N, C-alpha and C. Protein backbone atom coordinates (compact mmCIF):
# COMPACT_ATOMS: atom_id res chain seq x y z
N LYS A 1 59.42 110.66 141.47
CA LYS A 1 59.14 110.51 140.05
C LYS A 1 57.76 111.04 139.72
N LEU A 2 57.63 111.54 138.52
CA LEU A 2 56.33 111.99 138.03
C LEU A 2 55.50 110.78 137.60
N ALA A 3 54.23 110.85 137.92
CA ALA A 3 53.32 109.80 137.47
C ALA A 3 53.12 109.89 135.97
N ASP A 4 52.74 108.77 135.35
CA ASP A 4 52.59 108.73 133.90
C ASP A 4 51.52 109.69 133.40
N HIS A 5 50.51 109.96 134.24
CA HIS A 5 49.42 110.81 133.78
C HIS A 5 49.78 112.30 133.78
N VAL A 6 50.90 112.67 134.38
CA VAL A 6 51.30 114.09 134.42
C VAL A 6 51.95 114.46 133.10
N SER A 7 51.42 115.45 132.44
CA SER A 7 51.96 115.87 131.15
C SER A 7 53.30 116.58 131.33
N ASP A 8 54.06 116.66 130.23
CA ASP A 8 55.32 117.38 130.28
C ASP A 8 55.09 118.85 130.64
N GLY A 9 54.00 119.42 130.12
CA GLY A 9 53.69 120.81 130.42
C GLY A 9 53.45 121.05 131.90
N GLU A 10 52.67 120.17 132.50
CA GLU A 10 52.42 120.28 133.94
C GLU A 10 53.71 120.06 134.72
N ALA A 11 54.52 119.11 134.28
CA ALA A 11 55.79 118.82 134.96
C ALA A 11 56.70 120.05 134.95
N ALA A 12 56.68 120.80 133.85
CA ALA A 12 57.51 122.00 133.76
C ALA A 12 57.09 123.06 134.77
N MET A 13 55.85 122.96 135.27
CA MET A 13 55.35 123.92 136.25
C MET A 13 55.72 123.54 137.68
N ALA A 14 56.32 122.39 137.88
CA ALA A 14 56.67 121.96 139.24
C ALA A 14 57.67 122.91 139.88
N GLU A 15 58.60 123.42 139.08
CA GLU A 15 59.62 124.32 139.65
C GLU A 15 59.00 125.63 140.17
N PRO A 16 58.24 126.37 139.36
CA PRO A 16 57.64 127.59 139.91
C PRO A 16 56.63 127.32 141.02
N LEU A 17 55.93 126.18 140.95
CA LEU A 17 55.04 125.83 142.05
C LEU A 17 55.83 125.66 143.35
N SER A 18 57.04 125.12 143.25
CA SER A 18 57.89 124.95 144.43
C SER A 18 58.23 126.28 145.06
N VAL A 19 58.44 127.31 144.23
CA VAL A 19 58.73 128.65 144.73
C VAL A 19 57.55 129.14 145.58
N ALA A 20 56.33 128.94 145.07
CA ALA A 20 55.14 129.38 145.80
C ALA A 20 54.94 128.58 147.08
N LEU A 21 55.19 127.29 147.03
CA LEU A 21 55.05 126.45 148.22
C LEU A 21 56.05 126.88 149.30
N HIS A 22 57.26 127.23 148.89
CA HIS A 22 58.25 127.70 149.86
C HIS A 22 57.81 129.01 150.50
N ALA A 23 57.24 129.90 149.70
CA ALA A 23 56.74 131.17 150.24
C ALA A 23 55.64 130.94 151.26
N VAL A 24 54.76 130.00 150.97
CA VAL A 24 53.69 129.68 151.92
C VAL A 24 54.28 129.09 153.20
N ASN A 25 55.30 128.27 153.08
CA ASN A 25 55.96 127.75 154.28
C ASN A 25 56.56 128.88 155.10
N ARG A 26 57.12 129.88 154.44
CA ARG A 26 57.70 131.01 155.15
C ARG A 26 56.64 131.83 155.87
N ALA A 27 55.41 131.82 155.35
CA ALA A 27 54.33 132.59 155.97
C ALA A 27 53.85 131.97 157.27
N GLY A 28 54.04 130.67 157.43
CA GLY A 28 53.50 129.99 158.60
C GLY A 28 52.08 129.51 158.34
N PRO A 29 51.38 129.05 159.38
CA PRO A 29 50.04 128.49 159.19
C PRO A 29 49.08 129.49 158.52
N LEU A 30 48.36 129.01 157.51
CA LEU A 30 47.41 129.86 156.79
C LEU A 30 45.96 129.41 156.98
N LEU A 31 45.75 128.41 157.80
CA LEU A 31 44.40 127.89 157.99
C LEU A 31 43.47 128.99 158.50
N GLY A 32 42.43 129.29 157.71
CA GLY A 32 41.46 130.30 158.09
C GLY A 32 41.92 131.73 157.91
N LYS A 33 43.08 131.94 157.29
CA LYS A 33 43.63 133.29 157.17
C LYS A 33 43.11 134.01 155.92
N ARG A 34 43.17 135.34 156.00
CA ARG A 34 42.82 136.20 154.88
C ARG A 34 44.12 136.67 154.22
N VAL A 35 44.22 136.45 152.92
CA VAL A 35 45.48 136.62 152.20
C VAL A 35 45.32 137.61 151.06
N LEU A 36 46.33 138.47 150.92
CA LEU A 36 46.43 139.39 149.79
C LEU A 36 47.66 139.02 148.98
N VAL A 37 47.49 138.89 147.65
CA VAL A 37 48.61 138.62 146.75
C VAL A 37 48.74 139.80 145.81
N THR A 38 49.88 140.49 145.85
CA THR A 38 50.11 141.62 144.95
C THR A 38 51.07 141.18 143.86
N GLY A 39 50.62 141.28 142.62
CA GLY A 39 51.40 140.82 141.48
C GLY A 39 50.97 139.43 141.08
N CYS A 40 50.29 139.30 139.94
CA CYS A 40 49.70 138.02 139.54
C CYS A 40 50.34 137.45 138.29
N GLY A 41 51.66 137.57 138.19
CA GLY A 41 52.37 136.80 137.19
C GLY A 41 52.32 135.33 137.58
N PRO A 42 53.09 134.49 136.93
CA PRO A 42 53.06 133.06 137.26
C PRO A 42 53.29 132.76 138.74
N ILE A 43 54.26 133.42 139.36
CA ILE A 43 54.55 133.14 140.76
C ILE A 43 53.41 133.61 141.66
N GLY A 44 52.86 134.78 141.40
CA GLY A 44 51.74 135.25 142.19
C GLY A 44 50.52 134.35 142.06
N ALA A 45 50.23 133.92 140.82
CA ALA A 45 49.09 133.02 140.61
C ALA A 45 49.31 131.68 141.30
N LEU A 46 50.54 131.20 141.28
CA LEU A 46 50.84 129.95 141.97
C LEU A 46 50.78 130.13 143.49
N ALA A 47 51.06 131.33 143.97
CA ALA A 47 50.90 131.61 145.40
C ALA A 47 49.44 131.52 145.80
N VAL A 48 48.54 131.91 144.89
CA VAL A 48 47.10 131.75 145.15
C VAL A 48 46.77 130.27 145.35
N ILE A 49 47.27 129.43 144.44
CA ILE A 49 47.03 127.99 144.54
C ILE A 49 47.59 127.43 145.84
N ALA A 50 48.84 127.80 146.16
CA ALA A 50 49.50 127.26 147.35
C ALA A 50 48.83 127.74 148.63
N ALA A 51 48.42 129.00 148.66
CA ALA A 51 47.75 129.53 149.85
C ALA A 51 46.41 128.85 150.08
N ARG A 52 45.68 128.59 149.00
CA ARG A 52 44.40 127.89 149.14
C ARG A 52 44.60 126.47 149.64
N ARG A 53 45.61 125.78 149.10
CA ARG A 53 45.91 124.43 149.57
C ARG A 53 46.26 124.43 151.06
N ALA A 54 46.85 125.54 151.54
CA ALA A 54 47.26 125.64 152.94
C ALA A 54 46.12 126.07 153.85
N GLY A 55 44.94 126.34 153.29
CA GLY A 55 43.79 126.63 154.13
C GLY A 55 43.34 128.06 154.21
N ALA A 56 43.90 128.96 153.39
CA ALA A 56 43.43 130.35 153.39
C ALA A 56 41.97 130.39 152.97
N THR A 57 41.16 131.16 153.69
CA THR A 57 39.73 131.21 153.40
C THR A 57 39.33 132.39 152.54
N GLN A 58 40.16 133.41 152.47
CA GLN A 58 39.89 134.55 151.59
C GLN A 58 41.20 134.94 150.91
N ILE A 59 41.17 135.02 149.57
CA ILE A 59 42.35 135.41 148.82
C ILE A 59 41.96 136.49 147.82
N VAL A 60 42.60 137.64 147.95
CA VAL A 60 42.40 138.75 147.03
C VAL A 60 43.71 138.97 146.28
N ALA A 61 43.61 139.11 144.96
CA ALA A 61 44.79 139.29 144.12
C ALA A 61 44.74 140.66 143.44
N THR A 62 45.88 141.30 143.31
CA THR A 62 45.95 142.59 142.62
C THR A 62 47.02 142.55 141.55
N ASP A 63 46.80 143.33 140.51
CA ASP A 63 47.78 143.48 139.44
C ASP A 63 47.40 144.73 138.66
N MET A 64 48.25 145.09 137.70
CA MET A 64 47.97 146.26 136.87
C MET A 64 47.53 145.88 135.46
N ALA A 65 47.33 144.58 135.22
CA ALA A 65 46.92 144.10 133.90
C ALA A 65 45.76 143.12 134.05
N ALA A 66 44.90 143.08 133.06
CA ALA A 66 43.68 142.28 133.15
C ALA A 66 43.94 140.79 133.00
N GLN A 67 44.84 140.40 132.08
CA GLN A 67 45.03 138.97 131.82
C GLN A 67 45.55 138.20 133.04
N PRO A 68 46.55 138.69 133.76
CA PRO A 68 46.99 137.97 134.96
C PRO A 68 45.89 137.86 136.01
N LEU A 69 45.05 138.86 136.11
CA LEU A 69 43.96 138.81 137.08
C LEU A 69 42.93 137.75 136.71
N ARG A 70 42.67 137.61 135.42
CA ARG A 70 41.76 136.54 134.98
C ARG A 70 42.33 135.17 135.34
N ALA A 71 43.64 135.03 135.16
CA ALA A 71 44.28 133.76 135.51
C ALA A 71 44.19 133.50 137.01
N ALA A 72 44.37 134.54 137.83
CA ALA A 72 44.29 134.37 139.28
C ALA A 72 42.90 133.90 139.70
N LEU A 73 41.87 134.41 139.06
CA LEU A 73 40.51 133.98 139.36
C LEU A 73 40.31 132.51 138.95
N LYS A 74 40.89 132.12 137.83
CA LYS A 74 40.75 130.74 137.36
C LYS A 74 41.34 129.74 138.34
N VAL A 75 42.41 130.15 139.04
CA VAL A 75 43.08 129.21 139.93
C VAL A 75 42.67 129.38 141.39
N GLY A 76 41.63 130.21 141.65
CA GLY A 76 41.08 130.18 143.00
C GLY A 76 41.01 131.47 143.78
N ALA A 77 41.47 132.59 143.23
CA ALA A 77 41.33 133.85 143.97
C ALA A 77 39.85 134.20 144.11
N ASP A 78 39.47 134.73 145.27
CA ASP A 78 38.09 135.12 145.49
C ASP A 78 37.76 136.44 144.82
N GLN A 79 38.75 137.29 144.69
CA GLN A 79 38.54 138.61 144.10
C GLN A 79 39.83 139.05 143.42
N ALA A 80 39.69 139.71 142.29
CA ALA A 80 40.85 140.23 141.55
C ALA A 80 40.65 141.71 141.31
N ILE A 81 41.64 142.50 141.67
CA ILE A 81 41.54 143.96 141.58
C ILE A 81 42.61 144.50 140.65
N ASN A 82 42.17 145.26 139.66
CA ASN A 82 43.10 145.95 138.77
C ASN A 82 43.41 147.31 139.40
N VAL A 83 44.58 147.42 140.01
CA VAL A 83 44.92 148.63 140.75
C VAL A 83 45.29 149.79 139.83
N LYS A 84 45.47 149.51 138.55
CA LYS A 84 45.68 150.59 137.59
C LYS A 84 44.35 151.28 137.29
N GLU A 85 43.29 150.48 137.13
CA GLU A 85 41.97 151.02 136.84
C GLU A 85 41.23 151.44 138.10
N GLN A 86 41.52 150.76 139.22
CA GLN A 86 40.86 151.04 140.50
C GLN A 86 41.91 151.26 141.59
N PRO A 87 42.63 152.37 141.55
CA PRO A 87 43.73 152.58 142.50
C PRO A 87 43.29 152.65 143.95
N GLU A 88 42.02 152.94 144.20
CA GLU A 88 41.55 153.06 145.59
C GLU A 88 40.81 151.80 146.06
N ALA A 89 40.83 150.73 145.27
CA ALA A 89 40.02 149.56 145.59
C ALA A 89 40.42 148.88 146.90
N LEU A 90 41.71 148.93 147.25
CA LEU A 90 42.14 148.29 148.50
C LEU A 90 41.66 149.04 149.73
N ALA A 91 41.16 150.27 149.55
CA ALA A 91 40.65 151.04 150.69
C ALA A 91 39.51 150.32 151.39
N ALA A 92 38.80 149.46 150.66
CA ALA A 92 37.69 148.71 151.26
C ALA A 92 38.18 147.73 152.33
N PHE A 93 39.48 147.44 152.33
CA PHE A 93 40.02 146.46 153.28
C PHE A 93 40.83 147.11 154.40
N THR A 94 40.71 148.42 154.56
CA THR A 94 41.51 149.12 155.57
C THR A 94 40.78 149.34 156.89
N ALA A 95 39.50 148.96 156.96
CA ALA A 95 38.75 149.16 158.20
C ALA A 95 39.39 148.39 159.35
N ASP A 96 39.25 148.93 160.56
CA ASP A 96 39.80 148.28 161.77
C ASP A 96 41.30 148.03 161.64
N LYS A 97 42.00 148.97 161.04
CA LYS A 97 43.46 148.95 160.90
C LYS A 97 43.96 147.88 159.93
N GLY A 98 43.06 147.31 159.12
CA GLY A 98 43.49 146.34 158.11
C GLY A 98 42.80 145.01 158.25
N GLN A 99 42.52 144.38 157.11
CA GLN A 99 41.73 143.15 157.10
C GLN A 99 42.54 141.88 156.80
N PHE A 100 43.68 142.02 156.14
CA PHE A 100 44.42 140.83 155.72
C PHE A 100 45.42 140.40 156.78
N ASP A 101 45.55 139.08 156.93
CA ASP A 101 46.52 138.51 157.86
C ASP A 101 47.90 138.36 157.25
N VAL A 102 47.93 138.05 155.94
CA VAL A 102 49.20 137.75 155.26
C VAL A 102 49.21 138.42 153.90
N LEU A 103 50.34 139.01 153.56
CA LEU A 103 50.57 139.59 152.24
C LEU A 103 51.68 138.81 151.55
N PHE A 104 51.38 138.29 150.34
CA PHE A 104 52.41 137.73 149.47
C PHE A 104 52.68 138.77 148.38
N GLU A 105 53.85 139.41 148.43
CA GLU A 105 54.17 140.47 147.49
C GLU A 105 55.01 139.85 146.37
N ALA A 106 54.40 139.69 145.19
CA ALA A 106 55.04 138.96 144.10
C ALA A 106 55.41 139.84 142.92
N SER A 107 55.25 141.15 143.06
CA SER A 107 55.54 142.03 141.93
C SER A 107 56.97 142.57 141.95
N GLY A 108 57.57 142.65 143.13
CA GLY A 108 58.89 143.26 143.25
C GLY A 108 58.85 144.77 143.13
N ASN A 109 57.66 145.33 143.31
CA ASN A 109 57.46 146.77 143.16
C ASN A 109 57.20 147.40 144.52
N ALA A 110 57.99 148.40 144.87
CA ALA A 110 57.85 149.03 146.19
C ALA A 110 56.48 149.67 146.38
N ARG A 111 55.92 150.22 145.31
CA ARG A 111 54.59 150.84 145.43
C ARG A 111 53.53 149.81 145.76
N ALA A 112 53.64 148.61 145.19
CA ALA A 112 52.69 147.55 145.49
C ALA A 112 52.82 147.12 146.95
N LEU A 113 54.06 147.01 147.41
CA LEU A 113 54.30 146.59 148.79
C LEU A 113 53.76 147.61 149.78
N VAL A 114 54.17 148.84 149.63
CA VAL A 114 53.76 149.89 150.57
C VAL A 114 52.27 150.18 150.45
N GLY A 115 51.73 150.07 149.23
CA GLY A 115 50.32 150.33 149.02
C GLY A 115 49.41 149.34 149.74
N ALA A 116 49.95 148.19 150.11
CA ALA A 116 49.16 147.17 150.80
C ALA A 116 49.21 147.32 152.32
N PHE A 117 50.07 148.20 152.83
CA PHE A 117 50.26 148.29 154.28
C PHE A 117 48.98 148.64 155.02
N ASP A 118 48.18 149.55 154.48
CA ASP A 118 46.97 149.95 155.19
C ASP A 118 45.93 148.83 155.25
N ALA A 119 45.99 147.90 154.29
CA ALA A 119 45.03 146.80 154.25
C ALA A 119 45.48 145.60 155.07
N LEU A 120 46.72 145.65 155.57
CA LEU A 120 47.27 144.55 156.36
C LEU A 120 47.08 144.86 157.84
N ARG A 121 46.54 143.90 158.56
CA ARG A 121 46.23 144.12 159.97
C ARG A 121 47.51 144.27 160.80
N PRO A 122 47.43 144.87 161.98
CA PRO A 122 48.59 144.92 162.86
C PRO A 122 49.13 143.51 163.14
N ARG A 123 50.44 143.38 163.18
CA ARG A 123 51.14 142.11 163.34
C ARG A 123 50.91 141.16 162.17
N GLY A 124 50.52 141.72 161.03
CA GLY A 124 50.39 140.92 159.82
C GLY A 124 51.76 140.47 159.32
N ILE A 125 51.74 139.45 158.48
CA ILE A 125 52.96 138.87 157.95
C ILE A 125 53.11 139.26 156.49
N ILE A 126 54.28 139.77 156.14
CA ILE A 126 54.60 140.12 154.76
C ILE A 126 55.64 139.14 154.25
N VAL A 127 55.32 138.43 153.18
CA VAL A 127 56.28 137.52 152.55
C VAL A 127 56.66 138.14 151.21
N GLN A 128 57.89 138.60 151.12
CA GLN A 128 58.37 139.26 149.90
C GLN A 128 58.91 138.23 148.92
N MET A 129 58.16 138.01 147.84
CA MET A 129 58.53 137.03 146.82
C MET A 129 59.20 137.70 145.62
N GLY A 130 58.62 138.82 145.17
CA GLY A 130 59.09 139.47 143.96
C GLY A 130 60.43 140.16 144.16
N LEU A 131 61.24 140.11 143.13
CA LEU A 131 62.55 140.77 143.14
C LEU A 131 62.54 141.93 142.17
N GLY A 132 62.92 143.10 142.65
CA GLY A 132 63.04 144.27 141.79
C GLY A 132 64.32 144.98 142.15
N GLY A 133 64.29 146.30 142.09
CA GLY A 133 65.45 147.06 142.53
C GLY A 133 65.41 147.24 144.04
N GLU A 134 66.32 148.04 144.56
CA GLU A 134 66.33 148.34 145.98
C GLU A 134 65.07 149.13 146.34
N MET A 135 64.50 148.83 147.50
CA MET A 135 63.26 149.47 147.92
C MET A 135 63.50 150.39 149.12
N THR A 136 62.73 151.46 149.16
CA THR A 136 62.69 152.32 150.33
C THR A 136 61.36 152.10 151.01
N LEU A 137 61.39 151.69 152.28
CA LEU A 137 60.17 151.34 153.00
C LEU A 137 59.89 152.34 154.11
N PRO A 138 58.60 152.58 154.40
CA PRO A 138 58.24 153.43 155.54
C PRO A 138 58.40 152.64 156.84
N ILE A 139 59.60 152.68 157.37
CA ILE A 139 59.91 151.87 158.55
C ILE A 139 59.01 152.22 159.73
N ASN A 140 58.62 153.48 159.85
CA ASN A 140 57.75 153.87 160.97
C ASN A 140 56.44 153.08 160.94
N THR A 141 55.87 152.90 159.76
CA THR A 141 54.63 152.13 159.64
C THR A 141 54.89 150.67 159.94
N LEU A 142 55.98 150.13 159.42
CA LEU A 142 56.31 148.73 159.66
C LEU A 142 56.49 148.46 161.15
N VAL A 143 57.12 149.40 161.84
CA VAL A 143 57.33 149.24 163.29
C VAL A 143 56.04 149.45 164.07
N ALA A 144 55.29 150.51 163.72
CA ALA A 144 54.08 150.85 164.48
C ALA A 144 53.01 149.76 164.38
N LYS A 145 52.90 149.13 163.21
CA LYS A 145 51.91 148.06 163.05
C LYS A 145 52.51 146.68 163.34
N GLU A 146 53.78 146.67 163.74
CA GLU A 146 54.47 145.44 164.13
C GLU A 146 54.39 144.36 163.05
N PHE A 147 54.61 144.78 161.81
CA PHE A 147 54.62 143.81 160.72
C PHE A 147 55.80 142.87 160.84
N ASP A 148 55.62 141.67 160.34
CA ASP A 148 56.70 140.68 160.28
C ASP A 148 57.07 140.52 158.82
N LEU A 149 58.23 141.06 158.41
CA LEU A 149 58.67 141.03 157.02
C LEU A 149 59.61 139.85 156.81
N ARG A 150 59.21 138.94 155.91
CA ARG A 150 59.98 137.72 155.69
C ARG A 150 60.38 137.60 154.22
N GLY A 151 61.62 137.31 154.00
CA GLY A 151 62.08 137.05 152.65
C GLY A 151 61.87 135.59 152.28
N THR A 152 61.75 135.34 151.00
CA THR A 152 61.63 133.96 150.51
C THR A 152 62.36 133.87 149.18
N PHE A 153 63.14 132.81 148.99
CA PHE A 153 63.95 132.71 147.78
C PHE A 153 64.02 131.25 147.34
N ARG A 154 63.44 130.99 146.20
CA ARG A 154 63.46 129.66 145.60
C ARG A 154 62.80 128.61 146.50
N PHE A 155 63.46 127.48 146.73
CA PHE A 155 62.80 126.36 147.39
C PHE A 155 63.84 125.32 147.78
N HIS A 156 63.42 124.29 148.49
CA HIS A 156 64.29 123.14 148.77
C HIS A 156 63.42 121.88 148.76
N ALA A 157 62.94 121.48 149.94
CA ALA A 157 62.14 120.25 150.03
C ALA A 157 60.81 120.39 149.30
N GLU A 158 60.40 121.63 149.04
CA GLU A 158 59.09 121.84 148.42
C GLU A 158 58.99 121.28 147.00
N PHE A 159 60.13 121.04 146.34
CA PHE A 159 60.05 120.50 144.98
C PHE A 159 59.42 119.11 144.99
N ALA A 160 59.81 118.29 145.94
CA ALA A 160 59.22 116.95 146.05
C ALA A 160 57.72 117.04 146.36
N VAL A 161 57.36 118.04 147.18
CA VAL A 161 55.94 118.23 147.50
C VAL A 161 55.17 118.63 146.25
N ALA A 162 55.74 119.52 145.44
CA ALA A 162 55.10 119.95 144.20
C ALA A 162 54.82 118.77 143.28
N VAL A 163 55.81 117.88 143.13
CA VAL A 163 55.64 116.70 142.29
C VAL A 163 54.54 115.79 142.85
N GLU A 164 54.52 115.64 144.17
CA GLU A 164 53.51 114.79 144.79
C GLU A 164 52.10 115.37 144.59
N LEU A 165 51.98 116.69 144.68
CA LEU A 165 50.68 117.32 144.45
C LEU A 165 50.22 117.09 143.03
N LEU A 166 51.13 117.16 142.07
CA LEU A 166 50.80 116.88 140.67
C LEU A 166 50.43 115.41 140.49
N ASN A 167 51.20 114.53 141.07
CA ASN A 167 50.94 113.10 140.93
C ASN A 167 49.57 112.71 141.47
N LYS A 168 49.17 113.34 142.55
CA LYS A 168 47.89 113.01 143.19
C LYS A 168 46.74 113.88 142.69
N ARG A 169 47.00 114.71 141.68
CA ARG A 169 45.99 115.59 141.09
C ARG A 169 45.36 116.51 142.14
N LEU A 170 46.17 116.97 143.07
CA LEU A 170 45.67 117.86 144.12
C LEU A 170 45.77 119.33 143.73
N VAL A 171 46.45 119.61 142.64
CA VAL A 171 46.51 120.97 142.09
C VAL A 171 46.30 120.89 140.59
N ASP A 172 45.69 121.92 140.03
CA ASP A 172 45.50 121.99 138.58
C ASP A 172 46.24 123.22 138.08
N LEU A 173 47.35 123.00 137.39
CA LEU A 173 48.18 124.09 136.90
C LEU A 173 47.91 124.40 135.43
N LYS A 174 47.07 123.60 134.79
CA LYS A 174 46.82 123.78 133.35
C LYS A 174 46.27 125.17 133.00
N PRO A 175 45.44 125.80 133.85
CA PRO A 175 44.94 127.14 133.48
C PRO A 175 46.05 128.19 133.34
N LEU A 176 47.23 127.92 133.86
CA LEU A 176 48.32 128.89 133.79
C LEU A 176 49.22 128.68 132.57
N ILE A 177 48.98 127.62 131.81
CA ILE A 177 49.76 127.36 130.61
C ILE A 177 49.06 128.04 129.44
N SER A 178 49.64 129.12 128.97
CA SER A 178 49.01 129.93 127.92
C SER A 178 49.16 129.32 126.54
N ALA A 179 50.32 128.75 126.27
CA ALA A 179 50.59 128.22 124.94
C ALA A 179 51.77 127.27 124.99
N THR A 180 51.81 126.35 124.03
CA THR A 180 52.95 125.45 123.85
C THR A 180 53.40 125.55 122.40
N LEU A 181 54.64 125.95 122.19
CA LEU A 181 55.17 126.13 120.84
C LEU A 181 56.36 125.19 120.62
N PRO A 182 56.57 124.75 119.38
CA PRO A 182 57.75 123.93 119.09
C PRO A 182 59.03 124.70 119.34
N TYR A 183 60.08 124.00 119.75
CA TYR A 183 61.32 124.67 120.13
C TYR A 183 61.92 125.47 118.98
N ARG A 184 61.61 125.10 117.75
CA ARG A 184 62.14 125.85 116.61
C ARG A 184 61.54 127.25 116.54
N ASP A 185 60.43 127.45 117.23
CA ASP A 185 59.79 128.78 117.30
C ASP A 185 60.10 129.46 118.63
N ALA A 186 61.28 129.20 119.17
CA ALA A 186 61.62 129.72 120.50
C ALA A 186 61.57 131.25 120.53
N GLY A 187 62.00 131.90 119.47
CA GLY A 187 61.96 133.36 119.44
C GLY A 187 60.54 133.88 119.58
N ARG A 188 59.61 133.27 118.85
CA ARG A 188 58.20 133.68 118.95
C ARG A 188 57.65 133.35 120.33
N ALA A 189 58.09 132.23 120.89
CA ALA A 189 57.62 131.84 122.22
C ALA A 189 58.05 132.84 123.28
N PHE A 190 59.30 133.28 123.22
CA PHE A 190 59.78 134.25 124.20
C PHE A 190 59.07 135.59 124.04
N ALA A 191 58.80 135.98 122.79
CA ALA A 191 58.07 137.23 122.56
C ALA A 191 56.66 137.14 123.13
N LEU A 192 56.02 135.99 122.95
CA LEU A 192 54.68 135.80 123.50
C LEU A 192 54.72 135.83 125.03
N ALA A 193 55.71 135.15 125.60
CA ALA A 193 55.82 135.10 127.06
C ALA A 193 56.03 136.48 127.66
N ALA A 194 56.65 137.37 126.91
CA ALA A 194 56.92 138.72 127.41
C ALA A 194 55.69 139.63 127.34
N ASP A 195 54.65 139.17 126.67
CA ASP A 195 53.43 139.96 126.50
C ASP A 195 52.42 139.60 127.57
N ARG A 196 52.35 140.40 128.64
CA ARG A 196 51.47 140.08 129.77
C ARG A 196 49.99 140.20 129.41
N SER A 197 49.69 140.83 128.28
CA SER A 197 48.29 140.93 127.87
C SER A 197 47.79 139.63 127.25
N GLN A 198 48.73 138.72 126.90
CA GLN A 198 48.33 137.48 126.25
C GLN A 198 48.74 136.22 127.01
N ALA A 199 49.85 136.28 127.71
CA ALA A 199 50.45 135.04 128.18
C ALA A 199 50.73 135.03 129.68
N MET A 200 50.64 133.83 130.25
CA MET A 200 51.07 133.58 131.62
C MET A 200 52.35 132.74 131.58
N LYS A 201 52.22 131.46 131.23
CA LYS A 201 53.38 130.60 131.04
C LYS A 201 53.36 130.04 129.61
N VAL A 202 54.45 130.20 128.91
CA VAL A 202 54.59 129.68 127.56
C VAL A 202 55.64 128.57 127.59
N LEU A 203 55.29 127.42 127.04
CA LEU A 203 56.18 126.25 127.08
C LEU A 203 56.73 125.95 125.70
N LEU A 204 57.90 125.31 125.69
CA LEU A 204 58.50 124.83 124.45
C LEU A 204 58.34 123.32 124.38
N SER A 205 57.94 122.82 123.23
CA SER A 205 57.80 121.39 123.01
C SER A 205 58.98 120.90 122.20
N PHE A 206 59.55 119.75 122.62
CA PHE A 206 60.68 119.16 121.90
C PHE A 206 60.26 117.86 121.19
N ASP A 207 58.96 117.69 121.00
CA ASP A 207 58.48 116.50 120.29
C ASP A 207 59.01 116.50 118.86
């Protein structure tokens, strides 16, 4: 059960938080690890929160829009890179065959996934969260660097964990709630939610 102090808005975020918690479970131990998150929509931003809770010591987030990157910084990313404005920015992390231990790919974009390969260390773990179309991957690179590619889809036991984290105030999801509109304005709410320059999560109120 949700504690009385948890708002309806925060409660609505328990489901997407569960998705991120499941992805972190799929990655394995993150204590002291360096993490890259590509794609900073709601799921990517929540992956930042979940990875930090799991002990990641460095988290870098990338996206092609400024607003999601600002949100990622608010919830704990150490660095946010706009790869549209700075397409070569990840090159700083390619020394010694790659600096990151784990990649959470939350965009569903093949270019984002493959573009992170040089920054991922040999035997790094790739957790594919984002869903897009069919992808073509450079298998030779995946094999040569011995990457571990893991799929993740939704959640199971993590939903109860998400609620417990909210109940104990161990996570703050409020920075990801962009707006709350009355349900009679659902059309406007969906239009706002589709605008990545303005919104992260838009909620409907039934008060």
